[in-house]
Amino acid sequence: MSDPFSEKVRNAPPPGQFWRPEIGDDIIGIYYGDRPVKTKYGEKAAMKIEDELTKDMKLVMKTDFLKKEFERLNIQIGERVGLKYQGKPGKAHLWSVFVDRPEKEKEEK
């Protein structure tokens, strides 16, 4: 039996691979929320982003910088986001963070 729900389950992407960017690398895709991951520093949050080029689910460590940017931009699950890794010039990893939202149409008076 084939129905939309069955197809969605059968075609679900795998849980994700960690994305390990180099300076200047970017990812554009749909944000699917966070999931806990175990690290040598304890449990941390990783963001799930479906890469629109490869359709692979990627995990991106949710650093303090990324957390603040996602909060500042009010990024919600299901939105299209873009992340560009800018490197680690000091103690923190730096990113450019974008969210693809339609511009609000100006109301005519």
Protein backbone atom coordinates (compact mmCIF):
# COMPACT_ATOMS: atom_id res chain seq x y z
CA MET A 1 0.00 0.00 0.00
CA SER A 2 1.33 3.41 -0.95
CA ASP A 3 0.02 6.61 0.58
CA PRO A 4 1.70 9.94 1.40
CA PHE A 5 2.43 8.96 5.01
CA SER A 6 3.95 5.60 4.01
CA GLU A 7 6.11 7.30 1.39
CA LYS A 8 7.29 9.87 3.94
CA VAL A 9 8.33 7.12 6.38
CA ARG A 10 10.04 5.02 3.69
CA ASN A 11 11.92 8.02 2.29
CA ALA A 12 12.93 9.53 5.64
CA PRO A 13 16.58 10.63 5.68
CA PRO A 14 18.98 8.91 8.10
CA PRO A 15 19.52 10.48 11.54
CA GLY A 16 22.45 12.51 10.28
CA GLN A 17 26.19 12.81 9.92
CA PHE A 18 28.20 15.55 11.58
CA TRP A 19 29.07 18.36 9.21
CA ARG A 20 32.68 19.39 9.73
CA PRO A 21 33.13 22.58 7.73
CA GLU A 22 36.32 24.31 6.65
CA ILE A 23 36.53 28.12 6.62
CA GLY A 24 34.16 29.44 3.95
CA ASP A 25 32.03 26.27 3.70
CA ASP A 26 28.29 26.73 3.77
CA ILE A 27 25.13 24.70 4.07
CA ILE A 28 21.64 25.68 2.97
CA GLY A 29 18.62 23.61 3.90
CA ILE A 30 15.63 23.01 6.12
CA TYR A 31 16.11 23.24 9.90
CA TYR A 32 14.58 20.22 11.64
CA GLY A 33 15.29 21.17 15.24
CA ASP A 34 17.90 19.98 17.70
CA ARG A 35 18.88 16.64 19.11
CA PRO A 36 21.14 15.73 22.00
CA VAL A 37 24.54 14.26 21.21
CA LYS A 38 27.18 12.89 23.52
CA THR A 39 30.61 14.52 23.32
CA LYS A 40 33.77 14.26 25.36
CA TYR A 41 32.51 17.41 27.15
CA GLY A 42 29.14 15.88 28.04
CA GLU A 43 25.78 16.07 26.32
CA LYS A 44 25.41 18.95 23.83
CA ALA A 45 22.79 20.01 21.30
CA ALA A 46 23.24 19.49 17.57
CA MET A 47 21.03 21.12 14.95
CA LYS A 48 19.53 18.91 12.24
CA ILE A 49 19.63 20.51 8.80
CA GLU A 50 18.62 18.74 5.60
CA ASP A 51 21.18 19.83 2.99
CA GLU A 52 19.20 20.95 -0.04
CA LEU A 53 21.97 19.91 -2.46
CA THR A 54 22.54 16.36 -1.23
CA LYS A 55 19.24 15.79 0.66
CA ASP A 56 21.40 14.37 3.48
CA MET A 57 20.54 15.19 7.07
CA LYS A 58 23.53 16.99 8.61
CA LEU A 59 24.22 17.63 12.27
CA VAL A 60 25.80 20.93 13.25
CA MET A 61 26.98 21.46 16.82
CA LYS A 62 24.88 24.24 18.35
CA THR A 63 27.57 26.50 19.74
CA ASP A 64 26.71 29.44 21.99
CA PHE A 65 27.21 31.72 18.97
CA LEU A 66 24.76 29.72 16.82
CA LYS A 67 22.26 29.47 19.66
CA LYS A 68 22.24 33.26 20.09
CA GLU A 69 21.92 33.85 16.33
CA PHE A 70 19.01 31.40 16.01
CA GLU A 71 17.28 33.13 18.93
CA ARG A 72 17.99 36.62 17.54
CA LEU A 73 16.56 35.65 14.14
CA ASN A 74 13.74 33.65 15.75
CA ILE A 75 14.45 30.69 13.48
CA GLN A 76 11.75 28.02 13.70
CA ILE A 77 11.65 24.35 12.79
CA GLY A 78 10.79 23.94 9.11
CA GLU A 79 12.42 27.17 7.96
CA ARG A 80 15.08 27.33 5.26
CA VAL A 81 18.40 28.43 6.73
CA GLY A 82 21.89 29.13 5.51
CA LEU A 83 25.04 28.78 7.58
CA LYS A 84 28.51 29.87 6.48
CA TYR A 85 31.47 28.94 8.64
CA GLN A 86 33.84 31.88 9.15
CA GLY A 87 36.46 30.12 11.25
CA LYS A 88 37.71 30.30 14.81
CA PRO A 89 39.89 33.41 15.17
CA GLY A 90 39.74 33.29 18.96
CA LYS A 91 37.93 31.06 21.42
CA ALA A 92 34.63 30.93 19.53
CA HIS A 93 33.63 29.48 16.17
CA LEU A 94 32.11 32.26 14.06
CA TRP A 95 29.26 31.86 11.58
CA SER A 96 27.13 33.90 9.22
CA VAL A 97 23.51 32.83 9.77
CA PHE A 98 20.61 33.48 7.40
CA VAL A 99 16.93 32.58 7.32
CA ASP A 100 14.92 32.58 4.09
CA ARG A 101 11.62 34.29 4.79
CA PRO A 102 9.35 35.96 2.27
CA GLU A 103 9.50 39.72 2.57
CA LYS A 104 6.31 41.15 3.97
CA GLU A 105 4.38 42.83 1.21
CA LYS A 106 3.86 46.53 1.82
CA GLU A 107 0.25 47.40 2.36
CA GLU A 108 -1.06 50.06 0.00
CA LYS A 109 -2.96 52.90 1.64
